[in-house]
Amino acid sequence: MTASIGDILDQHVFIAGAQRRFGSLRADDARAHADELRAAVGWGPTARVAPVAQAWRELSLTMDRAGAEVVGDLDPDVVVELAPRLWVTLPG
């Protein structure tokens, strides 16, 4: 079952030491979160974090290209596509 765009945007994520609404995040928030996740990547199980860090970097670049102030300003199809890769919603 695919989550609705409203559910995705209302989802809370832990960024910069606080729970924040996904739809209110800015590109700088996404970049900082990508950097934080990338710093946690190592070998073994932590290597699985690398694609999630890359997805957060992609989100920040997508927002920059679209001129989106917050995630909620992006095209809903883009948000729905990225959400599982960001682990905002569960993959699969």
Protein backbone atom coordinates (compact mmCIF):
# COMPACT_ATOMS: atom_id res chain seq x y z
CA MET A 1 0.00 0.00 0.00
CA THR A 2 1.44 3.36 -1.07
CA ALA A 3 1.19 6.25 1.37
CA SER A 4 -0.64 9.37 0.22
CA ILE A 5 1.30 12.56 -0.40
CA GLY A 6 -0.35 14.12 2.66
CA ASP A 7 0.76 11.23 4.87
CA ILE A 8 4.30 11.45 3.52
CA LEU A 9 4.57 15.21 4.04
CA ASP A 10 3.15 14.87 7.58
CA GLN A 11 5.64 12.13 8.52
CA HIS A 12 8.15 13.20 11.17
CA VAL A 13 11.88 12.62 10.75
CA PHE A 14 14.66 13.11 13.27
CA ILE A 15 16.99 15.81 11.94
CA ALA A 16 19.38 18.13 13.77
CA GLY A 17 18.40 16.73 17.14
CA ALA A 18 14.66 17.17 16.76
CA GLN A 19 11.58 15.54 15.24
CA ARG A 20 10.58 17.63 12.23
CA ARG A 21 7.72 17.36 9.74
CA PHE A 22 9.12 16.05 6.46
CA GLY A 23 7.12 18.50 4.34
CA SER A 24 8.67 21.47 6.18
CA LEU A 25 12.31 20.50 5.61
CA ARG A 26 14.52 22.82 3.57
CA ALA A 27 17.29 21.84 1.15
CA ASP A 28 19.90 22.77 3.78
CA ASP A 29 18.23 20.36 6.21
CA ALA A 30 18.41 17.57 3.63
CA ARG A 31 22.08 18.34 2.89
CA ALA A 32 22.98 18.33 6.57
CA HIS A 33 21.14 15.05 7.10
CA ALA A 34 22.93 13.51 4.09
CA ASP A 35 26.28 14.57 5.56
CA GLU A 36 25.37 13.15 8.97
CA LEU A 37 24.33 9.82 7.47
CA ARG A 38 27.39 9.66 5.21
CA ALA A 39 29.62 10.13 8.28
CA ALA A 40 28.02 7.02 9.80
CA VAL A 41 28.82 4.82 6.77
CA GLY A 42 31.45 2.19 7.37
CA TRP A 43 31.78 -1.48 6.56
CA GLY A 44 29.37 -4.29 7.33
CA PRO A 45 25.84 -3.32 8.32
CA THR A 46 26.56 0.42 8.34
CA ALA A 47 27.36 0.26 4.61
CA ARG A 48 23.59 0.03 4.09
CA VAL A 49 23.30 3.66 5.16
CA ALA A 50 25.17 4.90 2.06
CA PRO A 51 22.18 4.71 -0.34
CA VAL A 52 19.99 6.53 2.18
CA ALA A 53 22.59 9.28 2.53
CA GLN A 54 22.76 9.53 -1.26
CA ALA A 55 18.96 9.81 -1.48
CA TRP A 56 18.99 12.72 1.01
CA ARG A 57 21.68 14.42 -1.10
CA GLU A 58 19.52 13.85 -4.19
CA LEU A 59 16.55 15.41 -2.37
CA SER A 60 18.56 18.55 -1.62
CA LEU A 61 19.70 18.83 -5.25
CA THR A 62 16.16 18.24 -6.52
CA MET A 63 14.88 21.00 -4.26
CA ASP A 64 17.60 23.38 -5.47
CA ARG A 65 16.82 22.65 -9.13
CA ALA A 66 13.07 23.08 -8.58
CA GLY A 67 13.48 26.25 -6.53
CA ALA A 68 11.52 24.58 -3.72
CA GLU A 69 11.72 26.34 -0.37
CA VAL A 70 10.50 23.24 1.48
CA VAL A 71 9.86 19.60 0.56
CA GLY A 72 6.13 20.32 0.41
CA ASP A 73 6.77 22.64 -2.56
CA LEU A 74 8.05 19.75 -4.72
CA ASP A 75 5.99 17.90 -7.29
CA PRO A 76 4.03 15.24 -5.37
CA ASP A 77 5.20 12.48 -7.74
CA VAL A 78 8.83 13.31 -6.93
CA VAL A 79 8.13 13.20 -3.18
CA VAL A 80 6.30 9.85 -3.45
CA GLU A 81 9.19 8.41 -5.48
CA LEU A 82 11.91 9.60 -3.08
CA ALA A 83 10.19 8.88 0.25
CA PRO A 84 11.02 5.15 0.44
CA ARG A 85 14.65 5.76 -0.56
CA LEU A 86 14.89 8.36 2.23
CA TRP A 87 13.25 5.94 4.68
CA VAL A 88 10.54 8.53 5.31
CA THR A 89 8.17 5.70 4.37
CA LEU A 90 9.13 2.05 4.45
CA PRO A 91 10.62 0.72 1.22
CA GLY A 92 8.68 -1.90 -0.67
